[in-house]
Amino acid sequence: MKSYVAKVQLILNMQQFAERAFVNKLKKNRPELSRQGIRDEIDRWYKDRPGSPVGDGVGRIGDPSRFR
């Protein structure tokens, strides 16, 4: 059980790190954005980043049956 909890915590930490990196990139490249503008860009990023409609990542669509 501890291993599962540690893995989930690692995934959450990685997601938070990715979001912070994206915010820092936005602040650097688009300093005119307001806080609300940054939140809107984050929402758009989660919905529209490459590969997000069919899973995470760019490239070929994977076969989810391999995890069964």
N, C-alpha and C. Protein backbone atom coordinates (compact mmCIF):
# COMPACT_ATOMS: atom_id res chain seq x y z
N MET A 1 0.83 -1.20 0.00
CA MET A 1 0.00 0.00 0.00
C MET A 1 0.87 1.25 0.00
N LYS A 2 1.93 1.26 0.77
CA LYS A 2 2.78 2.44 0.83
C LYS A 2 3.37 2.76 -0.54
N SER A 3 3.71 1.72 -1.28
CA SER A 3 4.28 1.92 -2.60
C SER A 3 3.27 2.63 -3.51
N TYR A 4 2.01 2.21 -3.45
CA TYR A 4 0.96 2.83 -4.26
C TYR A 4 0.80 4.30 -3.87
N VAL A 5 0.75 4.58 -2.60
CA VAL A 5 0.59 5.96 -2.12
C VAL A 5 1.78 6.80 -2.57
N ALA A 6 2.98 6.25 -2.48
CA ALA A 6 4.17 6.99 -2.90
C ALA A 6 4.13 7.29 -4.40
N LYS A 7 3.66 6.35 -5.19
CA LYS A 7 3.58 6.56 -6.64
C LYS A 7 2.56 7.64 -6.98
N VAL A 8 1.42 7.60 -6.32
CA VAL A 8 0.40 8.63 -6.57
C VAL A 8 0.92 9.99 -6.14
N GLN A 9 1.60 10.05 -5.00
CA GLN A 9 2.16 11.31 -4.54
C GLN A 9 3.20 11.84 -5.53
N LEU A 10 4.02 10.96 -6.08
CA LEU A 10 5.01 11.36 -7.07
C LEU A 10 4.33 11.93 -8.32
N ILE A 11 3.27 11.29 -8.77
CA ILE A 11 2.53 11.78 -9.94
C ILE A 11 1.96 13.16 -9.67
N LEU A 12 1.38 13.35 -8.50
CA LEU A 12 0.82 14.66 -8.15
C LEU A 12 1.91 15.72 -8.06
N ASN A 13 3.04 15.37 -7.49
CA ASN A 13 4.16 16.31 -7.41
C ASN A 13 4.65 16.70 -8.79
N MET A 14 4.72 15.73 -9.70
CA MET A 14 5.17 16.02 -11.06
C MET A 14 4.18 16.94 -11.78
N GLN A 15 2.89 16.72 -11.55
CA GLN A 15 1.87 17.57 -12.16
C GLN A 15 1.99 19.00 -11.63
N GLN A 16 2.19 19.15 -10.34
CA GLN A 16 2.35 20.48 -9.75
C GLN A 16 3.60 21.17 -10.29
N PHE A 17 4.67 20.41 -10.44
CA PHE A 17 5.91 20.97 -10.99
C PHE A 17 5.70 21.45 -12.43
N ALA A 18 5.00 20.64 -13.22
CA ALA A 18 4.74 21.01 -14.62
C ALA A 18 3.89 22.28 -14.69
N GLU A 19 2.91 22.38 -13.82
CA GLU A 19 2.07 23.58 -13.82
C GLU A 19 2.88 24.81 -13.41
N ARG A 20 3.72 24.68 -12.40
CA ARG A 20 4.56 25.82 -11.98
C ARG A 20 5.51 26.23 -13.10
N ALA A 21 6.07 25.25 -13.80
CA ALA A 21 6.97 25.56 -14.92
C ALA A 21 6.20 26.30 -16.01
N PHE A 22 4.98 25.87 -16.29
CA PHE A 22 4.18 26.53 -17.31
C PHE A 22 3.85 27.97 -16.90
N VAL A 23 3.51 28.17 -15.63
CA VAL A 23 3.21 29.53 -15.14
C VAL A 23 4.45 30.42 -15.27
N ASN A 24 5.61 29.90 -14.90
CA ASN A 24 6.84 30.69 -15.03
C ASN A 24 7.12 31.05 -16.48
N LYS A 25 6.86 30.11 -17.39
CA LYS A 25 7.05 30.38 -18.81
C LYS A 25 6.09 31.47 -19.28
N LEU A 26 4.84 31.39 -18.82
CA LEU A 26 3.86 32.43 -19.18
C LEU A 26 4.30 33.80 -18.67
N LYS A 27 4.73 33.85 -17.42
CA LYS A 27 5.14 35.14 -16.85
C LYS A 27 6.32 35.73 -17.59
N LYS A 28 7.22 34.87 -18.06
CA LYS A 28 8.39 35.35 -18.79
C LYS A 28 8.00 35.82 -20.19
N ASN A 29 7.20 35.02 -20.89
CA ASN A 29 6.88 35.31 -22.28
C ASN A 29 5.71 36.27 -22.46
N ARG A 30 4.85 36.36 -21.45
CA ARG A 30 3.67 37.23 -21.56
C ARG A 30 3.44 37.96 -20.24
N PRO A 31 4.35 38.89 -19.90
CA PRO A 31 4.26 39.57 -18.60
C PRO A 31 3.00 40.41 -18.43
N GLU A 32 2.29 40.70 -19.51
CA GLU A 32 1.09 41.53 -19.42
C GLU A 32 -0.12 40.76 -18.88
N LEU A 33 -0.03 39.44 -18.79
CA LEU A 33 -1.17 38.64 -18.33
C LEU A 33 -1.50 38.92 -16.87
N SER A 34 -2.77 39.05 -16.59
CA SER A 34 -3.24 39.20 -15.21
C SER A 34 -3.29 37.81 -14.56
N ARG A 35 -3.59 37.78 -13.28
CA ARG A 35 -3.74 36.48 -12.60
C ARG A 35 -4.84 35.66 -13.25
N GLN A 36 -5.95 36.33 -13.57
CA GLN A 36 -7.04 35.63 -14.23
C GLN A 36 -6.61 35.13 -15.61
N GLY A 37 -5.84 35.94 -16.31
CA GLY A 37 -5.33 35.52 -17.61
C GLY A 37 -4.45 34.29 -17.51
N ILE A 38 -3.63 34.25 -16.47
CA ILE A 38 -2.77 33.08 -16.24
C ILE A 38 -3.64 31.86 -15.94
N ARG A 39 -4.66 32.03 -15.09
CA ARG A 39 -5.55 30.90 -14.79
C ARG A 39 -6.26 30.41 -16.05
N ASP A 40 -6.68 31.35 -16.89
CA ASP A 40 -7.33 30.96 -18.15
C ASP A 40 -6.37 30.18 -19.05
N GLU A 41 -5.12 30.62 -19.11
CA GLU A 41 -4.11 29.91 -19.92
C GLU A 41 -3.83 28.51 -19.36
N ILE A 42 -3.80 28.39 -18.04
CA ILE A 42 -3.60 27.07 -17.41
C ILE A 42 -4.75 26.14 -17.77
N ASP A 43 -5.98 26.66 -17.65
CA ASP A 43 -7.14 25.84 -18.03
C ASP A 43 -7.06 25.41 -19.48
N ARG A 44 -6.69 26.33 -20.36
CA ARG A 44 -6.57 26.01 -21.79
C ARG A 44 -5.46 24.97 -22.00
N TRP A 45 -4.37 25.11 -21.26
CA TRP A 45 -3.25 24.17 -21.39
C TRP A 45 -3.68 22.75 -21.00
N TYR A 46 -4.42 22.64 -19.91
CA TYR A 46 -4.88 21.31 -19.50
C TYR A 46 -5.82 20.69 -20.53
N LYS A 47 -6.61 21.52 -21.18
CA LYS A 47 -7.59 21.00 -22.14
C LYS A 47 -6.99 20.78 -23.53
N ASP A 48 -6.02 21.61 -23.91
CA ASP A 48 -5.58 21.63 -25.30
C ASP A 48 -4.14 21.24 -25.55
N ARG A 49 -3.40 20.84 -24.53
CA ARG A 49 -1.99 20.53 -24.78
C ARG A 49 -1.90 19.34 -25.72
N PRO A 50 -0.81 19.24 -26.48
CA PRO A 50 -0.70 18.16 -27.47
C PRO A 50 -0.89 16.78 -26.85
N GLY A 51 -1.75 16.01 -27.44
CA GLY A 51 -1.98 14.65 -26.97
C GLY A 51 -3.06 14.53 -25.91
N SER A 52 -3.50 15.62 -25.31
CA SER A 52 -4.44 15.51 -24.20
C SER A 52 -5.80 14.92 -24.57
N PRO A 53 -6.34 15.14 -25.77
CA PRO A 53 -7.63 14.53 -26.07
C PRO A 53 -7.59 13.00 -26.12
N VAL A 54 -6.43 12.44 -26.41
CA VAL A 54 -6.34 10.98 -26.56
C VAL A 54 -5.35 10.37 -25.57
N GLY A 55 -5.02 11.06 -24.51
CA GLY A 55 -4.04 10.59 -23.55
C GLY A 55 -2.92 11.59 -23.46
N ASP A 56 -1.92 11.32 -22.69
CA ASP A 56 -0.83 12.27 -22.52
C ASP A 56 0.30 11.98 -23.49
N GLY A 57 0.73 13.03 -24.15
CA GLY A 57 1.90 12.94 -24.98
C GLY A 57 1.61 13.06 -26.47
N VAL A 58 2.61 13.51 -27.16
CA VAL A 58 2.52 13.66 -28.61
C VAL A 58 2.99 12.36 -29.24
N GLY A 59 2.42 12.00 -30.34
CA GLY A 59 2.86 10.80 -31.03
C GLY A 59 1.72 9.85 -31.32
N ARG A 60 2.07 8.61 -31.53
CA ARG A 60 1.05 7.61 -31.83
C ARG A 60 0.15 7.39 -30.62
N ILE A 61 -1.10 7.12 -30.91
CA ILE A 61 -2.04 6.79 -29.84
C ILE A 61 -1.72 5.40 -29.35
N GLY A 62 -1.56 5.26 -28.04
CA GLY A 62 -1.24 3.97 -27.46
C GLY A 62 -2.46 3.07 -27.36
N ASP A 63 -2.21 1.82 -27.12
CA ASP A 63 -3.29 0.85 -26.95
C ASP A 63 -3.50 0.61 -25.47
N PRO A 64 -4.59 1.14 -24.88
CA PRO A 64 -4.80 0.99 -23.44
C PRO A 64 -4.99 -0.44 -22.98
N SER A 65 -5.29 -1.36 -23.89
CA SER A 65 -5.49 -2.75 -23.49
C SER A 65 -4.21 -3.37 -22.94
N ARG A 66 -3.07 -2.78 -23.23
CA ARG A 66 -1.80 -3.35 -22.72
C ARG A 66 -1.71 -3.26 -21.21
N PHE A 67 -2.56 -2.43 -20.59
CA PHE A 67 -2.52 -2.28 -19.13
C PHE A 67 -3.50 -3.20 -18.41
N ARG A 68 -4.20 -4.01 -19.16
CA ARG A 68 -5.18 -4.92 -18.53
C ARG A 68 -4.56 -6.20 -18.10
